[in-house]
Amino acid sequence: MSTYPSLAPFVLKRPWLLKLFKPLSTWYTGAAGYRQLGLRADDLIVEENERVIKALKRLPQKEAYDRVYRLRRAFQCSTTHKLLPKDQWTKPEEDAPYLQPLIDQIYAEEKEKDALDSMTIIKSH
């Protein structure tokens, strides 16, 4: 349950669109450059959102440590204007979402809480 609209389900249902967009998405991911800095896609999510802050608190300790390490290493590479060696780049199979599922879970919990809080009780005699 992402808060952003997505065309992914529409594209995935149509094989010809999938064949068209797959090379484009692969190119775009490479051109974005975050993998050359050792980052994963979920490392790019802005931390100023309340849901993201809650999700970061729910991360396992090792995953939170790894995230901070990746961000610090990327910051160091950025300040020195250098990329990591190619063997240290994030591989596509390593770039799995780890934060977005927690954000979606928090969104669902908030939605459920709002539904329960706005519930009205009708007394029948």
Protein backbone atom coordinates (compact mmCIF):
# COMPACT_ATOMS: atom_id res chain seq x y z
CA MET A 1 0.00 0.00 0.00
CA SER A 2 2.28 2.69 -1.19
CA THR A 3 1.10 6.25 -0.76
CA TYR A 4 2.14 7.03 -4.34
CA PRO A 5 0.11 5.92 -7.37
CA SER A 6 1.80 3.19 -9.36
CA LEU A 7 1.50 2.00 -12.93
CA ALA A 8 3.31 -1.25 -12.12
CA PRO A 9 0.18 -3.47 -11.89
CA PHE A 10 -1.04 -2.09 -15.22
CA VAL A 11 2.31 -2.74 -16.91
CA LEU A 12 2.78 -6.20 -15.37
CA LYS A 13 -0.59 -7.39 -16.74
CA ARG A 14 0.46 -6.58 -20.30
CA PRO A 15 3.47 -8.54 -21.56
CA TRP A 16 4.13 -6.19 -24.48
CA LEU A 17 4.34 -3.22 -22.09
CA LEU A 18 6.60 -5.19 -19.79
CA LYS A 19 8.95 -5.94 -22.71
CA LEU A 20 8.94 -2.25 -23.57
CA PHE A 21 9.53 -0.88 -20.08
CA LYS A 22 11.93 -3.49 -18.63
CA PRO A 23 15.03 -2.28 -20.55
CA LEU A 24 14.04 1.31 -19.83
CA SER A 25 13.71 0.65 -16.10
CA THR A 26 17.02 -1.20 -16.03
CA TRP A 27 18.72 1.71 -17.79
CA TYR A 28 17.11 4.26 -15.46
CA THR A 29 18.18 2.36 -12.35
CA GLY A 30 21.74 2.30 -13.61
CA ALA A 31 21.65 5.95 -14.62
CA ALA A 32 20.34 7.00 -11.20
CA GLY A 33 23.79 6.18 -9.82
CA TYR A 34 22.86 5.14 -6.32
CA ARG A 35 24.12 1.61 -6.81
CA GLN A 36 27.59 2.91 -7.74
CA LEU A 37 27.67 4.49 -4.28
CA GLY A 38 26.69 1.23 -2.59
CA LEU A 39 23.15 2.33 -1.76
CA ARG A 40 19.89 0.45 -2.05
CA ALA A 41 16.67 2.02 -3.37
CA ASP A 42 15.08 2.23 0.09
CA ASP A 43 18.09 4.20 1.34
CA LEU A 44 16.85 7.08 -0.82
CA ILE A 45 13.52 7.44 1.01
CA VAL A 46 13.37 10.80 2.77
CA GLU A 47 13.47 10.42 6.56
CA GLU A 48 11.44 13.53 7.36
CA ASN A 49 8.10 11.74 7.11
CA GLU A 50 6.55 10.51 10.37
CA ARG A 51 5.81 7.06 8.91
CA VAL A 52 9.41 6.67 7.75
CA ILE A 53 10.70 7.57 11.21
CA LYS A 54 8.45 4.92 12.75
CA ALA A 55 9.57 2.38 10.14
CA LEU A 56 13.25 3.13 10.87
CA LYS A 57 12.60 2.46 14.55
CA ARG A 58 11.11 -0.94 13.63
CA LEU A 59 14.11 -2.03 11.57
CA PRO A 60 16.16 -4.89 13.00
CA GLN A 61 19.38 -3.68 14.60
CA LYS A 62 21.66 -5.21 11.93
CA GLU A 63 19.61 -3.75 9.07
CA ALA A 64 19.64 -0.30 10.72
CA TYR A 65 23.43 -0.54 11.20
CA ASP A 66 23.92 -1.61 7.57
CA ARG A 67 21.75 1.30 6.39
CA VAL A 68 23.78 3.85 8.36
CA TYR A 69 27.01 2.31 7.05
CA ARG A 70 25.80 2.52 3.43
CA LEU A 71 24.71 6.14 3.87
CA ARG A 72 28.00 7.19 5.49
CA ARG A 73 30.03 5.41 2.83
CA ALA A 74 27.98 7.06 0.07
CA PHE A 75 28.42 10.46 1.73
CA GLN A 76 32.18 9.89 1.88
CA CYS A 77 32.26 8.95 -1.82
CA SER A 78 30.18 12.01 -2.64
CA THR A 79 32.46 14.40 -0.79
CA THR A 80 35.57 12.97 -2.47
CA HIS A 81 33.83 12.91 -5.90
CA LYS A 82 34.67 9.24 -6.42
CA LEU A 83 32.64 6.10 -6.97
CA LEU A 84 33.16 2.81 -5.21
CA PRO A 85 35.15 0.09 -6.97
CA LYS A 86 32.88 -1.94 -9.25
CA ASP A 87 33.03 -5.04 -7.01
CA GLN A 88 31.48 -2.98 -4.15
CA TRP A 89 28.54 -1.64 -6.15
CA THR A 90 25.10 -2.79 -5.06
CA LYS A 91 24.01 -5.68 -7.26
CA PRO A 92 20.41 -5.79 -8.56
CA GLU A 93 19.63 -8.91 -6.52
CA GLU A 94 20.82 -7.15 -3.34
CA ASP A 95 18.60 -4.15 -4.03
CA ALA A 96 15.49 -5.58 -2.40
CA PRO A 97 13.07 -3.34 -0.49
CA TYR A 98 13.56 -3.50 3.25
CA LEU A 99 11.98 -0.23 4.43
CA GLN A 100 8.97 0.16 2.11
CA PRO A 101 7.16 -2.94 3.49
CA LEU A 102 7.41 -1.45 6.99
CA ILE A 103 6.12 1.91 5.75
CA ASP A 104 3.19 0.15 4.06
CA GLN A 105 2.47 -1.76 7.28
CA ILE A 106 2.46 1.48 9.30
CA TYR A 107 0.16 3.11 6.73
CA ALA A 108 -2.26 0.17 7.01
CA GLU A 109 -2.17 0.37 10.81
CA GLU A 110 -2.91 4.10 10.73
CA LYS A 111 -5.74 3.57 8.28
CA GLU A 112 -7.21 0.83 10.49
CA LYS A 113 -6.85 3.02 13.60
CA ASP A 114 -8.62 5.91 11.86
CA ALA A 115 -11.44 3.59 10.80
CA LEU A 116 -11.85 2.29 14.34
CA ASP A 117 -11.62 5.76 15.88
CA SER A 118 -14.33 7.14 13.61
CA MET A 119 -16.67 4.23 14.27
CA THR A 120 -20.07 5.21 15.60
CA ILE A 121 -22.11 3.01 17.87
CA ILE A 122 -25.81 2.88 17.18
CA LYS A 123 -27.92 1.75 20.09
CA SER A 124 -30.97 -0.21 19.22
CA HIS A 125 -33.76 -0.45 21.76
